[in-house]
N, C-alpha and C. Protein backbone atom coordinates (compact mmCIF):
# COMPACT_ATOMS: atom_id res chain seq x y z
N MET A 1 7.16 8.84 -6.13
CA MET A 1 7.36 7.86 -5.05
C MET A 1 6.55 6.57 -5.23
N CYS A 2 7.21 5.41 -5.20
CA CYS A 2 6.50 4.15 -5.27
C CYS A 2 6.34 3.43 -3.87
N PHE A 3 5.13 3.04 -3.65
CA PHE A 3 4.81 2.44 -2.28
C PHE A 3 4.93 0.95 -2.47
N SER A 4 5.01 0.23 -1.31
CA SER A 4 5.26 -1.19 -1.32
C SER A 4 4.93 -1.72 0.11
N SER A 5 5.02 -3.02 0.30
CA SER A 5 4.73 -3.61 1.56
C SER A 5 5.69 -3.14 2.57
N ALA A 6 7.04 -2.92 2.15
CA ALA A 6 7.96 -2.39 3.09
C ALA A 6 7.68 -0.99 3.60
N ALA A 7 7.25 -0.31 2.65
CA ALA A 7 6.77 1.17 3.00
C ALA A 7 5.64 1.11 4.13
N SER A 8 4.73 0.37 3.78
CA SER A 8 3.52 0.27 4.74
C SER A 8 3.88 -0.25 6.03
N PHE A 9 4.72 -1.34 6.01
CA PHE A 9 5.06 -1.91 7.39
C PHE A 9 5.99 -0.99 8.05
N GLY A 10 6.91 -0.34 7.36
CA GLY A 10 7.76 0.72 7.98
C GLY A 10 6.97 1.85 8.71
N ALA A 11 5.86 2.30 7.94
CA ALA A 11 5.09 3.33 8.46
C ALA A 11 4.28 2.87 9.74
N ALA A 12 3.88 1.65 9.54
CA ALA A 12 3.09 1.00 10.78
C ALA A 12 3.90 0.90 12.01
N ALA A 13 5.19 0.63 11.96
CA ALA A 13 6.21 0.55 13.07
C ALA A 13 6.27 1.83 13.72
N LEU A 14 6.53 2.91 12.80
CA LEU A 14 6.70 4.12 13.33
C LEU A 14 5.39 4.64 14.00
N LEU A 15 4.28 4.43 13.28
CA LEU A 15 3.07 4.86 14.04
C LEU A 15 2.68 4.09 15.21
N ALA A 16 2.98 2.88 15.30
CA ALA A 16 2.67 2.03 16.54
C ALA A 16 3.62 2.56 17.74
N ALA A 17 4.84 2.98 17.39
CA ALA A 17 5.64 3.54 18.41
C ALA A 17 5.19 5.02 18.85
N ALA A 18 4.68 5.73 17.86
CA ALA A 18 4.10 7.02 18.17
C ALA A 18 2.81 6.89 18.95
N GLY A 19 1.97 5.93 18.63
CA GLY A 19 0.76 5.70 19.26
C GLY A 19 0.97 5.25 20.71
N ILE A 20 1.86 4.38 20.95
CA ILE A 20 2.14 3.84 22.32
C ILE A 20 2.65 5.03 23.17
N ALA A 21 3.56 5.88 22.58
CA ALA A 21 4.06 7.02 23.28
C ALA A 21 3.00 8.01 23.57
N SER A 22 2.09 8.17 22.70
CA SER A 22 0.86 9.18 22.91
C SER A 22 -0.03 8.58 24.03
N ILE A 23 -0.37 7.30 23.90
CA ILE A 23 -1.17 6.86 24.97
C ILE A 23 -0.53 6.69 26.36
N ALA A 24 0.87 6.68 26.36
CA ALA A 24 1.43 6.64 27.75
C ALA A 24 1.29 8.09 28.29
N LYS A 25 1.03 9.14 27.64
CA LYS A 25 0.86 10.36 28.13
C LYS A 25 -0.62 10.69 28.56
N VAL A 26 -1.51 9.78 28.29
CA VAL A 26 -2.92 9.95 28.70
C VAL A 26 -2.95 10.05 30.17
N ARG A 27 -3.81 11.20 30.60
CA ARG A 27 -4.05 11.28 32.02
C ARG A 27 -5.49 11.30 32.40
N HIS A 28 -6.31 11.34 31.34
CA HIS A 28 -7.84 11.26 31.59
C HIS A 28 -8.34 10.35 30.43
N GLN A 29 -9.35 9.67 30.87
CA GLN A 29 -10.07 8.69 29.90
C GLN A 29 -10.50 9.39 28.60
N LYS A 30 -10.81 10.69 28.75
CA LYS A 30 -11.30 11.41 27.56
C LYS A 30 -10.26 11.66 26.50
N GLU A 31 -8.92 11.38 26.89
CA GLU A 31 -7.85 11.57 25.88
C GLU A 31 -7.47 10.34 25.15
N VAL A 32 -8.01 9.26 25.48
CA VAL A 32 -7.68 7.91 25.01
C VAL A 32 -7.90 7.85 23.39
N MET A 33 -9.04 8.37 22.95
CA MET A 33 -9.41 8.23 21.55
C MET A 33 -8.46 9.06 20.74
N PHE A 34 -8.11 10.23 21.21
CA PHE A 34 -7.29 11.12 20.48
C PHE A 34 -5.86 10.46 20.40
N ALA A 35 -5.39 10.14 21.54
CA ALA A 35 -4.02 9.59 21.67
C ALA A 35 -3.85 8.29 20.85
N ALA A 36 -4.96 7.59 20.65
CA ALA A 36 -4.87 6.20 19.94
C ALA A 36 -4.91 6.44 18.35
N ILE A 37 -5.12 7.73 17.84
CA ILE A 37 -5.19 7.80 16.40
C ILE A 37 -3.98 7.17 15.62
N PRO A 38 -2.68 7.49 16.15
CA PRO A 38 -1.58 6.82 15.37
C PRO A 38 -1.57 5.24 15.40
N VAL A 39 -2.12 4.68 16.51
CA VAL A 39 -2.28 3.21 16.58
C VAL A 39 -3.26 2.64 15.41
N ILE A 40 -4.38 3.41 15.31
CA ILE A 40 -5.22 2.93 14.34
C ILE A 40 -4.64 3.13 12.83
N PHE A 41 -4.03 4.21 12.66
CA PHE A 41 -3.27 4.34 11.37
C PHE A 41 -2.24 3.20 11.14
N ALA A 42 -1.69 2.75 12.25
CA ALA A 42 -0.64 1.73 12.24
C ALA A 42 -1.32 0.45 11.80
N ILE A 43 -2.46 0.12 12.32
CA ILE A 43 -3.21 -1.14 12.04
C ILE A 43 -3.56 -1.06 10.59
N GLN A 44 -4.03 0.18 10.07
CA GLN A 44 -4.43 0.33 8.67
C GLN A 44 -3.24 0.06 7.81
N GLN A 45 -2.04 0.52 8.07
CA GLN A 45 -0.86 0.28 7.32
C GLN A 45 -0.50 -1.09 7.25
N VAL A 46 -0.59 -1.87 8.50
CA VAL A 46 -0.33 -3.23 8.56
C VAL A 46 -1.26 -3.92 7.53
N ALA A 47 -2.59 -3.54 7.45
CA ALA A 47 -3.55 -4.22 6.55
C ALA A 47 -3.04 -3.97 5.10
N GLU A 48 -2.70 -2.72 4.77
CA GLU A 48 -2.36 -2.43 3.38
C GLU A 48 -0.98 -3.19 3.06
N GLY A 49 -0.06 -3.21 4.02
CA GLY A 49 1.15 -3.95 3.83
C GLY A 49 0.95 -5.43 3.35
N LEU A 50 -0.09 -6.12 4.13
CA LEU A 50 -0.44 -7.46 3.87
C LEU A 50 -1.11 -7.56 2.47
N LEU A 51 -1.87 -6.44 2.18
CA LEU A 51 -2.55 -6.43 0.89
C LEU A 51 -1.52 -6.37 -0.38
N TRP A 52 -0.45 -5.59 -0.09
CA TRP A 52 0.64 -5.65 -1.06
C TRP A 52 1.09 -7.06 -1.23
N LEU A 53 1.37 -7.78 -0.20
CA LEU A 53 1.96 -9.17 -0.31
C LEU A 53 1.00 -10.06 -1.00
N SER A 54 -0.36 -9.81 -0.78
CA SER A 54 -1.29 -10.65 -1.53
C SER A 54 -1.47 -10.44 -2.99
N MET A 55 -1.00 -9.29 -3.51
CA MET A 55 -1.19 -8.97 -4.85
C MET A 55 -0.43 -10.07 -5.72
N GLY A 56 -1.13 -10.55 -6.76
CA GLY A 56 -0.53 -11.52 -7.56
C GLY A 56 -0.49 -12.86 -7.06
N ASN A 57 -1.01 -13.11 -5.99
CA ASN A 57 -1.00 -14.45 -5.29
C ASN A 57 -2.42 -14.97 -5.21
N LEU A 58 -2.75 -15.93 -6.05
CA LEU A 58 -4.02 -16.44 -6.19
C LEU A 58 -4.38 -17.23 -4.87
N ALA A 59 -3.45 -17.73 -4.15
CA ALA A 59 -3.80 -18.49 -3.02
C ALA A 59 -4.18 -17.50 -1.84
N LEU A 60 -3.88 -16.20 -1.95
CA LEU A 60 -4.16 -15.25 -1.04
C LEU A 60 -5.44 -14.37 -1.44
N ARG A 61 -6.21 -14.80 -2.43
CA ARG A 61 -7.29 -14.06 -2.99
C ARG A 61 -8.30 -13.69 -1.86
N THR A 62 -8.67 -14.71 -1.15
CA THR A 62 -9.66 -14.52 -0.06
C THR A 62 -9.17 -13.55 0.99
N LEU A 63 -7.91 -13.54 1.43
CA LEU A 63 -7.27 -12.68 2.24
C LEU A 63 -7.23 -11.22 1.76
N ARG A 64 -6.98 -11.22 0.43
CA ARG A 64 -6.86 -9.82 -0.24
C ARG A 64 -8.32 -9.15 -0.19
N GLU A 65 -9.33 -9.91 -0.46
CA GLU A 65 -10.63 -9.34 -0.23
C GLU A 65 -10.95 -8.80 1.11
N ASP A 66 -10.59 -9.69 2.13
CA ASP A 66 -10.91 -9.28 3.45
C ASP A 66 -10.14 -8.07 3.87
N LEU A 67 -8.92 -8.02 3.44
CA LEU A 67 -8.04 -6.94 3.75
C LEU A 67 -8.53 -5.61 3.11
N THR A 68 -8.91 -5.75 1.83
CA THR A 68 -9.51 -4.62 1.10
C THR A 68 -10.78 -3.96 1.89
N TYR A 69 -11.63 -4.85 2.31
CA TYR A 69 -12.77 -4.37 2.94
C TYR A 69 -12.48 -3.78 4.26
N PHE A 70 -11.48 -4.34 5.03
CA PHE A 70 -11.06 -3.85 6.29
C PHE A 70 -10.47 -2.41 6.03
N PHE A 71 -9.56 -2.28 5.10
CA PHE A 71 -8.83 -1.05 4.98
C PHE A 71 -9.84 -0.02 4.62
N LEU A 72 -10.77 -0.29 3.71
CA LEU A 72 -11.81 0.67 3.30
C LEU A 72 -12.78 1.08 4.47
N PHE A 73 -13.06 0.11 5.33
CA PHE A 73 -13.97 0.34 6.42
C PHE A 73 -13.42 1.37 7.45
N VAL A 74 -12.19 1.16 7.63
CA VAL A 74 -11.44 2.01 8.45
C VAL A 74 -11.40 3.42 8.00
N ALA A 75 -10.95 3.51 6.66
CA ALA A 75 -10.83 4.80 5.97
C ALA A 75 -12.09 5.53 5.84
N GLU A 76 -13.12 4.88 5.53
CA GLU A 76 -14.46 5.49 5.16
C GLU A 76 -15.42 5.56 6.23
N SER A 77 -15.44 4.67 7.19
CA SER A 77 -16.50 4.58 8.21
C SER A 77 -16.01 4.83 9.64
N VAL A 78 -14.72 4.51 9.84
CA VAL A 78 -14.22 4.81 11.15
C VAL A 78 -13.79 6.26 11.30
N TRP A 79 -12.90 6.72 10.43
CA TRP A 79 -12.41 8.09 10.52
C TRP A 79 -13.38 9.13 10.65
N PRO A 80 -14.45 9.18 9.81
CA PRO A 80 -15.48 10.30 9.88
C PRO A 80 -16.13 10.40 11.32
N VAL A 81 -16.08 9.33 12.11
CA VAL A 81 -16.70 9.30 13.42
C VAL A 81 -15.57 9.51 14.43
N TRP A 82 -14.52 8.81 14.27
CA TRP A 82 -13.41 8.77 15.33
C TRP A 82 -12.85 10.28 15.51
N VAL A 83 -12.62 10.93 14.41
CA VAL A 83 -11.94 12.26 14.52
C VAL A 83 -12.76 13.20 15.33
N PRO A 84 -14.03 13.54 14.78
CA PRO A 84 -14.73 14.54 15.48
C PRO A 84 -15.12 14.21 17.03
N LEU A 85 -15.34 12.88 17.24
CA LEU A 85 -15.74 12.45 18.52
C LEU A 85 -14.53 12.50 19.53
N SER A 86 -13.28 12.13 19.03
CA SER A 86 -12.12 12.31 19.96
C SER A 86 -11.89 13.75 20.31
N LEU A 87 -12.09 14.56 19.37
CA LEU A 87 -11.89 16.06 19.65
C LEU A 87 -12.89 16.71 20.49
N LEU A 88 -14.17 16.24 20.21
CA LEU A 88 -15.25 16.65 20.99
C LEU A 88 -14.96 16.34 22.55
N LEU A 89 -14.45 15.18 22.81
CA LEU A 89 -14.19 14.72 24.18
C LEU A 89 -13.08 15.67 24.83
N LEU A 90 -12.24 16.17 24.08
CA LEU A 90 -11.25 17.07 24.58
C LEU A 90 -11.58 18.51 24.86
N GLU A 91 -12.59 18.87 24.06
CA GLU A 91 -13.04 20.28 24.10
C GLU A 91 -13.69 20.79 25.32
N ARG A 92 -13.29 22.02 25.71
CA ARG A 92 -13.92 22.66 26.91
C ARG A 92 -14.83 23.72 26.63
N SER A 93 -14.54 24.38 25.46
CA SER A 93 -15.45 25.55 25.09
C SER A 93 -16.77 25.11 24.56
N ARG A 94 -17.87 25.63 25.08
CA ARG A 94 -19.19 25.24 24.61
C ARG A 94 -19.41 25.52 23.16
N PRO A 95 -19.09 26.74 22.75
CA PRO A 95 -19.35 27.04 21.34
C PRO A 95 -18.67 26.01 20.47
N ARG A 96 -17.43 25.75 20.66
CA ARG A 96 -16.67 24.85 20.01
C ARG A 96 -17.19 23.39 20.04
N LYS A 97 -17.64 23.09 21.21
CA LYS A 97 -18.42 21.72 21.33
C LYS A 97 -19.58 21.62 20.43
N ALA A 98 -20.24 22.70 20.44
CA ALA A 98 -21.55 22.61 19.60
C ALA A 98 -21.10 22.46 18.05
N VAL A 99 -20.05 23.08 17.66
CA VAL A 99 -19.63 22.91 16.33
C VAL A 99 -19.12 21.47 16.08
N LEU A 100 -18.33 20.86 17.04
CA LEU A 100 -17.76 19.66 16.91
C LEU A 100 -18.93 18.54 16.94
N ALA A 101 -19.98 18.82 17.68
CA ALA A 101 -21.09 17.89 17.80
C ALA A 101 -21.79 17.88 16.48
N SER A 102 -21.88 19.03 15.71
CA SER A 102 -22.54 19.10 14.51
C SER A 102 -21.63 18.28 13.45
N LEU A 103 -20.24 18.42 13.51
CA LEU A 103 -19.40 17.78 12.64
C LEU A 103 -19.44 16.15 12.83
N LEU A 104 -19.66 15.82 14.10
CA LEU A 104 -19.91 14.55 14.54
C LEU A 104 -21.07 13.81 13.92
N ILE A 105 -22.19 14.61 13.82
CA ILE A 105 -23.42 14.12 13.25
C ILE A 105 -23.19 13.96 11.76
N ILE A 106 -22.47 14.86 11.17
CA ILE A 106 -22.21 14.74 9.67
C ILE A 106 -21.28 13.54 9.43
N GLY A 107 -20.39 13.36 10.38
CA GLY A 107 -19.50 12.18 10.25
C GLY A 107 -20.29 10.82 10.38
N LEU A 108 -21.29 10.85 11.32
CA LEU A 108 -22.08 9.57 11.55
C LEU A 108 -22.90 9.28 10.31
N PHE A 109 -23.47 10.16 9.64
CA PHE A 109 -24.31 10.00 8.46
C PHE A 109 -23.31 9.61 7.35
N THR A 110 -22.24 10.19 7.27
CA THR A 110 -21.15 9.76 6.18
C THR A 110 -20.71 8.39 6.38
N SER A 111 -20.37 8.09 7.56
CA SER A 111 -19.95 6.70 8.01
C SER A 111 -20.96 5.61 7.51
N VAL A 112 -22.22 5.78 8.01
CA VAL A 112 -23.37 4.82 7.67
C VAL A 112 -23.44 4.82 6.12
N TYR A 113 -23.53 5.97 5.42
CA TYR A 113 -23.76 5.91 4.01
C TYR A 113 -22.62 5.16 3.31
N LEU A 114 -21.41 5.46 3.62
CA LEU A 114 -20.35 4.64 3.00
C LEU A 114 -20.29 3.26 3.47
N ALA A 115 -20.60 2.89 4.68
CA ALA A 115 -20.71 1.52 5.12
C ALA A 115 -21.68 0.74 4.23
N PHE A 116 -22.82 1.38 3.96
CA PHE A 116 -24.00 0.79 3.19
C PHE A 116 -23.35 0.57 1.86
N TYR A 117 -22.67 1.37 1.15
CA TYR A 117 -22.20 1.13 -0.16
C TYR A 117 -21.03 0.12 -0.19
N LEU A 118 -20.36 0.16 0.81
CA LEU A 118 -19.20 -0.83 0.99
C LEU A 118 -19.70 -2.27 1.19
N LEU A 119 -20.83 -2.42 1.88
CA LEU A 119 -21.44 -3.75 2.06
C LEU A 119 -22.33 -4.18 0.90
N THR A 120 -22.79 -3.25 0.14
CA THR A 120 -23.76 -3.44 -0.85
C THR A 120 -23.10 -3.88 -2.20
N TYR A 121 -22.06 -3.12 -2.51
CA TYR A 121 -21.35 -3.18 -3.82
C TYR A 121 -20.02 -3.90 -3.65
N SER A 122 -19.51 -4.59 -4.58
CA SER A 122 -18.23 -5.24 -4.54
C SER A 122 -17.11 -4.24 -4.72
N VAL A 123 -15.94 -4.46 -4.03
CA VAL A 123 -14.83 -3.62 -4.11
C VAL A 123 -13.62 -4.45 -4.57
N GLU A 124 -12.61 -3.82 -5.12
CA GLU A 124 -11.47 -4.53 -5.53
C GLU A 124 -10.18 -3.58 -5.39
N ALA A 125 -9.11 -4.23 -5.06
CA ALA A 125 -7.81 -3.59 -4.95
C ALA A 125 -6.89 -3.95 -6.06
N THR A 126 -6.20 -3.01 -6.70
CA THR A 126 -5.30 -3.43 -7.67
C THR A 126 -4.00 -2.48 -7.60
N VAL A 127 -3.07 -2.84 -8.28
CA VAL A 127 -1.86 -1.95 -8.29
C VAL A 127 -1.85 -1.04 -9.60
N SER A 128 -1.73 0.24 -9.25
CA SER A 128 -1.73 1.27 -10.42
C SER A 128 -0.61 2.25 -10.16
N SER A 129 0.44 2.31 -11.01
CA SER A 129 1.44 3.27 -10.97
C SER A 129 2.17 3.20 -9.65
N CYS A 130 2.42 1.98 -9.23
CA CYS A 130 3.19 1.74 -7.93
C CYS A 130 2.41 2.06 -6.73
N HIS A 131 1.12 2.09 -6.84
CA HIS A 131 0.37 2.43 -5.74
C HIS A 131 -0.94 1.53 -5.75
N ILE A 132 -1.56 1.45 -4.59
CA ILE A 132 -2.74 0.50 -4.63
C ILE A 132 -4.01 1.44 -4.99
N LEU A 133 -4.82 0.97 -5.99
CA LEU A 133 -5.96 1.71 -6.37
C LEU A 133 -7.21 0.84 -5.90
N TYR A 134 -8.08 1.50 -5.17
CA TYR A 134 -9.34 0.88 -4.72
C TYR A 134 -10.45 1.26 -5.61
N LEU A 135 -11.01 0.07 -6.29
CA LEU A 135 -12.19 0.23 -7.13
C LEU A 135 -13.43 0.03 -6.36
N GLN A 136 -14.34 1.00 -6.34
CA GLN A 136 -15.55 0.80 -5.39
C GLN A 136 -16.59 1.81 -5.81
N HIS A 137 -17.76 1.58 -5.25
CA HIS A 137 -18.82 2.56 -5.40
C HIS A 137 -19.21 2.89 -6.75
N LEU A 138 -19.06 1.98 -7.69
CA LEU A 138 -19.16 2.24 -9.13
C LEU A 138 -20.60 2.78 -9.51
N ARG A 139 -21.60 2.43 -8.74
CA ARG A 139 -22.97 2.75 -8.86
C ARG A 139 -23.40 3.95 -7.96
N SER A 140 -22.53 4.45 -7.27
CA SER A 140 -22.80 5.60 -6.33
C SER A 140 -22.40 6.92 -6.87
N PRO A 141 -23.16 7.84 -6.74
CA PRO A 141 -22.85 9.23 -7.21
C PRO A 141 -21.93 9.99 -6.28
N TYR A 142 -21.61 9.30 -5.16
CA TYR A 142 -20.84 9.74 -3.98
C TYR A 142 -19.39 9.64 -4.25
N SER A 143 -18.60 10.65 -4.37
CA SER A 143 -17.27 10.58 -4.46
C SER A 143 -16.57 10.70 -3.10
N VAL A 144 -16.10 9.54 -2.70
CA VAL A 144 -15.70 9.39 -1.31
C VAL A 144 -14.84 10.37 -0.67
N LEU A 145 -13.59 10.51 -1.08
CA LEU A 145 -12.71 11.47 -0.40
C LEU A 145 -12.69 12.81 -1.00
N ALA A 146 -13.48 13.09 -2.13
CA ALA A 146 -13.53 14.40 -2.55
C ALA A 146 -14.83 15.15 -2.08
N SER A 147 -15.57 14.50 -1.26
CA SER A 147 -16.91 14.94 -0.87
C SER A 147 -16.67 15.91 0.42
N LEU A 148 -17.54 16.86 0.45
CA LEU A 148 -17.57 17.91 1.51
C LEU A 148 -17.87 17.26 2.84
N PRO A 149 -18.95 16.33 2.98
CA PRO A 149 -19.27 15.72 4.21
C PRO A 149 -18.01 14.98 4.81
N TYR A 150 -17.35 14.14 3.96
CA TYR A 150 -16.22 13.44 4.53
C TYR A 150 -15.08 14.41 5.01
N LEU A 151 -14.85 15.35 4.17
CA LEU A 151 -13.77 16.27 4.56
C LEU A 151 -14.11 17.10 5.73
N SER A 152 -15.36 17.43 5.98
CA SER A 152 -15.85 18.22 7.06
C SER A 152 -15.59 17.41 8.33
N ALA A 153 -15.91 16.09 8.18
CA ALA A 153 -15.78 15.25 9.50
C ALA A 153 -14.34 14.98 9.83
N THR A 154 -13.43 14.90 8.86
CA THR A 154 -12.05 14.41 9.09
C THR A 154 -11.05 15.52 9.17
N ILE A 155 -11.43 16.71 8.71
CA ILE A 155 -10.31 17.80 8.75
C ILE A 155 -10.88 19.04 9.60
N LEU A 156 -12.04 19.28 9.40
CA LEU A 156 -12.55 20.68 10.03
C LEU A 156 -12.50 20.48 11.61
N PRO A 157 -12.77 19.32 12.26
CA PRO A 157 -12.53 19.26 13.79
C PRO A 157 -11.34 19.75 14.29
N PHE A 158 -10.25 19.55 13.50
CA PHE A 158 -8.89 19.95 14.02
C PHE A 158 -8.77 21.53 13.86
N LEU A 159 -9.51 22.18 12.88
CA LEU A 159 -9.51 23.51 12.79
C LEU A 159 -10.35 24.17 13.73
N VAL A 160 -11.36 23.46 14.30
CA VAL A 160 -12.33 24.00 15.19
C VAL A 160 -11.79 23.91 16.75
N SER A 161 -11.00 22.97 16.93
CA SER A 161 -10.50 22.64 18.20
C SER A 161 -9.77 23.82 18.85
N GLY A 162 -9.88 23.99 20.17
CA GLY A 162 -9.14 25.07 20.80
C GLY A 162 -7.85 24.67 21.40
N ALA A 163 -7.57 23.23 21.33
CA ALA A 163 -6.39 22.82 21.82
C ALA A 163 -5.10 23.34 21.11
N ARG A 164 -3.99 23.60 21.84
CA ARG A 164 -2.76 24.17 21.08
C ARG A 164 -2.22 23.15 20.15
N GLY A 165 -1.88 23.63 18.95
CA GLY A 165 -1.34 22.70 17.96
C GLY A 165 -2.27 21.96 17.08
N MET A 166 -3.56 21.88 17.44
CA MET A 166 -4.57 21.09 16.75
C MET A 166 -4.86 21.79 15.37
N ARG A 167 -4.87 23.16 15.32
CA ARG A 167 -5.17 23.77 14.02
C ARG A 167 -3.96 23.55 13.06
N TRP A 168 -2.83 23.62 13.58
CA TRP A 168 -1.64 23.42 12.73
C TRP A 168 -1.75 21.94 12.10
N LEU A 169 -2.16 21.01 12.92
CA LEU A 169 -2.27 19.62 12.50
C LEU A 169 -3.42 19.41 11.36
N GLY A 170 -4.46 20.33 11.58
CA GLY A 170 -5.44 20.32 10.64
C GLY A 170 -5.13 20.79 9.26
N LEU A 171 -4.33 21.96 9.38
CA LEU A 171 -3.79 22.60 8.12
C LEU A 171 -2.84 21.79 7.39
N VAL A 172 -1.95 20.96 8.06
CA VAL A 172 -1.03 20.05 7.47
C VAL A 172 -1.75 19.00 6.83
N GLU A 173 -2.87 18.42 7.49
CA GLU A 173 -3.56 17.39 6.88
C GLU A 173 -4.33 17.89 5.68
N LEU A 174 -4.84 19.04 5.70
CA LEU A 174 -5.60 19.60 4.54
C LEU A 174 -4.52 19.77 3.32
N ALA A 175 -3.40 20.26 3.68
CA ALA A 175 -2.35 20.47 2.72
C ALA A 175 -1.93 19.10 2.02
N SER A 176 -1.84 18.12 2.91
CA SER A 176 -1.51 16.78 2.40
C SER A 176 -2.56 16.15 1.45
N TYR A 177 -3.78 16.51 1.78
CA TYR A 177 -4.89 16.07 1.01
C TYR A 177 -4.90 16.66 -0.31
N LEU A 178 -4.70 18.06 -0.34
CA LEU A 178 -4.67 18.79 -1.55
C LEU A 178 -3.56 18.40 -2.50
N LEU A 179 -2.34 18.09 -1.94
CA LEU A 179 -1.24 17.77 -2.68
C LEU A 179 -1.44 16.21 -3.16
N THR A 180 -1.99 15.46 -2.39
CA THR A 180 -2.21 14.09 -2.90
C THR A 180 -3.26 14.00 -4.00
N LYS A 181 -4.27 14.73 -3.75
CA LYS A 181 -5.28 14.77 -4.90
C LYS A 181 -4.77 15.35 -6.15
N ALA A 182 -3.82 16.34 -6.04
CA ALA A 182 -3.14 17.01 -7.25
C ALA A 182 -2.33 16.03 -8.03
N PHE A 183 -1.63 15.16 -7.25
CA PHE A 183 -0.68 14.29 -7.95
C PHE A 183 -1.02 12.79 -8.00
N TYR A 184 -1.92 12.40 -7.14
CA TYR A 184 -2.32 10.97 -6.98
C TYR A 184 -3.76 10.77 -6.82
N ASP A 185 -4.51 11.53 -7.87
CA ASP A 185 -5.95 11.58 -7.71
C ASP A 185 -6.61 10.12 -7.74
N HIS A 186 -6.08 9.25 -8.62
CA HIS A 186 -6.66 8.08 -8.79
C HIS A 186 -6.38 7.07 -7.50
N GLN A 187 -5.24 7.24 -7.00
CA GLN A 187 -4.87 6.44 -5.85
C GLN A 187 -4.95 7.29 -4.50
N LEU A 188 -5.89 8.24 -4.59
CA LEU A 188 -6.09 9.21 -3.49
C LEU A 188 -6.25 8.54 -2.05
N LEU A 189 -7.14 7.50 -2.11
CA LEU A 189 -7.51 6.89 -0.75
C LEU A 189 -6.26 6.19 -0.20
N SER A 190 -5.54 5.46 -0.81
CA SER A 190 -4.37 4.85 -0.26
C SER A 190 -3.26 5.76 0.16
N VAL A 191 -2.93 6.67 -0.92
CA VAL A 191 -1.73 7.63 -0.57
C VAL A 191 -2.09 8.58 0.48
N TRP A 192 -3.19 9.15 0.52
CA TRP A 192 -3.55 10.14 1.60
C TRP A 192 -3.57 9.48 2.92
N CYS A 193 -4.16 8.17 3.12
CA CYS A 193 -4.18 7.64 4.29
C CYS A 193 -2.69 7.40 4.84
N PHE A 194 -1.74 7.09 3.87
CA PHE A 194 -0.38 6.94 4.18
C PHE A 194 0.24 8.15 4.89
N TYR A 195 -0.03 9.26 4.04
CA TYR A 195 0.62 10.58 4.51
C TYR A 195 -0.05 10.99 5.82
N ALA A 196 -1.48 11.01 5.85
CA ALA A 196 -2.17 11.34 6.98
C ALA A 196 -1.74 10.59 8.25
N GLY A 197 -1.44 9.30 8.14
CA GLY A 197 -0.88 8.49 9.15
C GLY A 197 0.42 9.07 9.71
N LEU A 198 1.24 9.40 8.83
CA LEU A 198 2.63 9.81 9.15
C LEU A 198 2.46 11.26 9.89
N ILE A 199 1.51 12.01 9.45
CA ILE A 199 1.35 13.23 10.12
C ILE A 199 0.86 13.11 11.46
N SER A 200 0.14 12.09 11.77
CA SER A 200 -0.42 11.86 13.05
C SER A 200 0.52 11.58 14.12
N VAL A 201 1.89 11.47 13.79
CA VAL A 201 2.87 11.27 14.85
C VAL A 201 3.02 12.59 15.71
N PHE A 202 2.63 13.72 15.15
CA PHE A 202 2.67 15.00 15.87
C PHE A 202 1.61 15.06 17.01
N ILE A 203 0.90 14.04 17.03
CA ILE A 203 -0.13 13.94 18.28
C ILE A 203 0.57 13.85 19.51
N ILE A 204 1.88 13.26 19.57
CA ILE A 204 2.62 13.11 20.73
C ILE A 204 2.93 14.69 21.20
N GLY A 205 3.33 15.49 20.39
CA GLY A 205 3.64 16.84 20.74
C GLY A 205 2.37 17.62 21.25
N ILE A 206 1.27 17.39 20.55
CA ILE A 206 0.10 18.01 20.94
C ILE A 206 -0.39 17.52 22.41
N MET A 207 -0.20 16.22 22.66
CA MET A 207 -0.56 15.70 23.99
C MET A 207 0.37 16.29 25.11
N ARG A 208 1.66 16.55 24.75
CA ARG A 208 2.57 17.13 25.67
C ARG A 208 2.18 18.60 25.90
N SER A 209 1.81 19.24 24.90
CA SER A 209 1.34 20.69 24.99
C SER A 209 0.21 20.88 25.92
N MET A 210 -0.88 19.95 25.72
CA MET A 210 -2.02 19.99 26.50
C MET A 210 -1.81 19.90 27.86
N HIS A 211 -0.97 18.99 28.23
CA HIS A 211 -0.60 18.67 29.70
C HIS A 211 0.21 19.87 30.25
N ARG A 212 1.02 20.50 29.32
CA ARG A 212 1.85 21.59 29.86
C ARG A 212 0.96 22.73 30.18
N ASP A 213 -0.02 23.03 29.31
CA ASP A 213 -0.89 24.15 29.49
C ASP A 213 -1.72 23.86 30.73
N GLN A 214 -2.21 22.61 30.93
CA GLN A 214 -3.04 22.21 32.17
C GLN A 214 -2.21 22.57 33.46
N ARG A 215 -0.86 22.19 33.48
CA ARG A 215 0.01 22.49 34.61
C ARG A 215 0.17 23.88 34.88
N VAL A 216 0.23 24.80 33.79
CA VAL A 216 0.36 26.22 33.97
C VAL A 216 -0.87 26.82 34.62
N LYS A 217 -2.02 26.33 34.09
CA LYS A 217 -3.35 26.87 34.62
C LYS A 217 -3.49 26.44 36.04
N HIS A 218 -3.12 25.25 36.30
CA HIS A 218 -3.21 24.72 37.77
C HIS A 218 -2.23 25.58 38.77
N ASN A 219 -1.03 25.82 38.27
CA ASN A 219 -0.12 26.59 39.04
C ASN A 219 -0.58 28.03 39.23
N LYS A 220 -1.18 28.71 38.30
CA LYS A 220 -1.72 29.95 38.40
C LYS A 220 -2.89 30.05 39.49
N ILE A 221 -3.66 28.93 39.54
CA ILE A 221 -4.67 28.88 40.52
C ILE A 221 -4.15 28.70 41.87
């Protein structure tokens, strides 16, 4: 499958609609971060769509660099914190909260570490096999998306959460990561963010399920 600006902008439109629908279902402030996940993925896809348009255009070189840094910052420093924190806010079980808090700490350290390397060393985006390849962290021993800390912060919270449907979402995200790594290892960051974004549309269903469960518990009381 070849990606392009059209694919990124199309995904962004779908994710924006899903995000708006999810946010519309928010009943408590603590649900906002989780419901907004598709919106952030939409913004990320807009950035990559613009990045596609800037490829091969010398007049847009400065814009290409800014978009590259923006996309990588969201992928590497925002998600490791956003995912565990958004699920921690939703969780009611104390044992699960403790685990999610631990994963949040891991995510914070991962985020700061990757932000340091992102700001310290130059990065570059180029087209490779019909996908965007991000060249970065050449002096760092840290393999960004193949690392246990990053995966722990971005996937494990879904598996730990007690909310209905959250574990299935985590398993699908994990499967998408493994398949992407198997077939698009060199373009892992770009391709997995694309598929992970599309998978996030199921957050609408999870929001609906959470509120339905809350109504059932309230009626029983």
